[in-house]
Amino acid sequence: MVKTITIKEEVYEKLRSLKREDESFSDLLGGLAENVDPHKTLKKLRGSMSFEEKGEILSEIDEKRKERRI
């Protein structure tokens, strides 16, 4: 089954810069989703994200973890 998602242009460009030429976006996103360590994921994105963006993502991850613990 195929799903369509909407992302901002800037996010698309960041993902495109991470994607290998022989890799699909599904492969790229699947690999990122399988990576259970958010810090490893951020290291992969390090060159394409600002410090503030990384902080926002880590904050969001922490919030989601708190929600799961309840």
C-alpha atoms as a PDB file:
ATOM      1  CA  MET A   1       0.000   0.000   0.000  1.00  0.00           C
ATOM      2  CA  VAL A   2       1.262   3.492  -0.806  1.00  0.00           C
ATOM      3  CA  LYS A   3       0.599   6.561   1.366  1.00  0.00           C
ATOM      4  CA  THR A   4       1.086  10.202   0.498  1.00  0.00           C
ATOM      5  CA  ILE A   5       2.525  12.594   3.080  1.00  0.00           C
ATOM      6  CA  THR A   6       2.958  16.358   3.012  1.00  0.00           C
ATOM      7  CA  ILE A   7       6.211  17.925   4.178  1.00  0.00           C
ATOM      8  CA  LYS A   8       7.645  21.414   3.989  1.00  0.00           C
ATOM      9  CA  GLU A   9       9.946  22.205   1.074  1.00  0.00           C
ATOM     10  CA  GLU A  10      12.876  22.751   3.451  1.00  0.00           C
ATOM     11  CA  VAL A  11      12.358  19.307   5.005  1.00  0.00           C
ATOM     12  CA  TYR A  12      12.173  17.744   1.550  1.00  0.00           C
ATOM     13  CA  GLU A  13      15.483  19.357   0.599  1.00  0.00           C
ATOM     14  CA  LYS A  14      17.140  18.121   3.797  1.00  0.00           C
ATOM     15  CA  LEU A  15      15.902  14.596   3.183  1.00  0.00           C
ATOM     16  CA  ARG A  16      16.936  14.759  -0.459  1.00  0.00           C
ATOM     17  CA  SER A  17      20.452  15.747   0.594  1.00  0.00           C
ATOM     18  CA  LEU A  18      20.635  12.655   2.828  1.00  0.00           C
ATOM     19  CA  LYS A  19      19.266  10.252   0.240  1.00  0.00           C
ATOM     20  CA  ARG A  20      21.710   8.249  -1.837  1.00  0.00           C
ATOM     21  CA  GLU A  21      21.190   8.297  -5.578  1.00  0.00           C
ATOM     22  CA  ASP A  22      20.258   4.591  -5.620  1.00  0.00           C
ATOM     23  CA  GLU A  23      17.905   4.955  -2.623  1.00  0.00           C
ATOM     24  CA  SER A  24      14.195   5.778  -2.619  1.00  0.00           C
ATOM     25  CA  PHE A  25      12.622   8.170  -0.139  1.00  0.00           C
ATOM     26  CA  SER A  26      10.780   5.178   1.335  1.00  0.00           C
ATOM     27  CA  ASP A  27      14.114   3.449   1.932  1.00  0.00           C
ATOM     28  CA  LEU A  28      15.586   6.569   3.502  1.00  0.00           C
ATOM     29  CA  LEU A  29      12.611   7.197   5.790  1.00  0.00           C
ATOM     30  CA  GLY A  30      12.399   3.521   6.702  1.00  0.00           C
ATOM     31  CA  GLY A  31      16.034   3.560   7.756  1.00  0.00           C
ATOM     32  CA  LEU A  32      15.531   6.684   9.836  1.00  0.00           C
ATOM     33  CA  ALA A  33      12.392   5.245  11.447  1.00  0.00           C
ATOM     34  CA  GLU A  34      14.168   1.999  12.356  1.00  0.00           C
ATOM     35  CA  ASN A  35      16.882   3.927  14.109  1.00  0.00           C
ATOM     36  CA  VAL A  36      15.594   3.846  17.682  1.00  0.00           C
ATOM     37  CA  ASP A  37      18.298   6.151  18.997  1.00  0.00           C
ATOM     38  CA  PRO A  38      17.248   9.751  18.246  1.00  0.00           C
ATOM     39  CA  HIS A  39      20.811  10.943  18.786  1.00  0.00           C
ATOM     40  CA  LYS A  40      22.078   8.702  15.977  1.00  0.00           C
ATOM     41  CA  THR A  41      19.325  10.046  13.738  1.00  0.00           C
ATOM     42  CA  LEU A  42      20.335  13.604  14.581  1.00  0.00           C
ATOM     43  CA  LYS A  43      23.964  12.783  13.811  1.00  0.00           C
ATOM     44  CA  LYS A  44      22.858  11.685  10.333  1.00  0.00           C
ATOM     45  CA  LEU A  45      21.056  14.995   9.919  1.00  0.00           C
ATOM     46  CA  ARG A  46      23.797  17.063  11.564  1.00  0.00           C
ATOM     47  CA  GLY A  47      25.032  18.773   8.442  1.00  0.00           C
ATOM     48  CA  SER A  48      21.592  19.811   7.240  1.00  0.00           C
ATOM     49  CA  MET A  49      20.041  21.145  10.458  1.00  0.00           C
ATOM     50  CA  SER A  50      20.619  24.133  12.671  1.00  0.00           C
ATOM     51  CA  PHE A  51      21.341  23.761  16.375  1.00  0.00           C
ATOM     52  CA  GLU A  52      17.881  25.169  17.160  1.00  0.00           C
ATOM     53  CA  GLU A  53      16.157  22.638  14.893  1.00  0.00           C
ATOM     54  CA  LYS A  54      17.997  19.798  16.588  1.00  0.00           C
ATOM     55  CA  GLY A  55      16.948  21.119  19.994  1.00  0.00           C
ATOM     56  CA  GLU A  56      13.327  21.304  18.883  1.00  0.00           C
ATOM     57  CA  ILE A  57      13.414  17.717  17.672  1.00  0.00           C
ATOM     58  CA  LEU A  58      14.988  16.470  20.896  1.00  0.00           C
ATOM     59  CA  SER A  59      12.352  18.334  22.910  1.00  0.00           C
ATOM     60  CA  GLU A  60       9.610  16.752  20.840  1.00  0.00           C
ATOM     61  CA  ILE A  61      11.140  13.295  21.320  1.00  0.00           C
ATOM     62  CA  ASP A  62      11.299  13.847  25.082  1.00  0.00           C
ATOM     63  CA  GLU A  63       7.635  14.924  25.128  1.00  0.00           C
ATOM     64  CA  LYS A  64       6.585  11.807  23.200  1.00  0.00           C
ATOM     65  CA  ARG A  65       8.553   9.603  25.598  1.00  0.00           C
ATOM     66  CA  LYS A  66       6.820  11.236  28.565  1.00  0.00           C
ATOM     67  CA  GLU A  67       3.423  10.623  26.967  1.00  0.00           C
ATOM     68  CA  ARG A  68       4.227   6.921  26.481  1.00  0.00           C
ATOM     69  CA  ARG A  69       5.271   6.513  30.114  1.00  0.00           C
ATOM     70  CA  ILE A  70       1.920   7.661  31.426  1.00  0.00           C
END
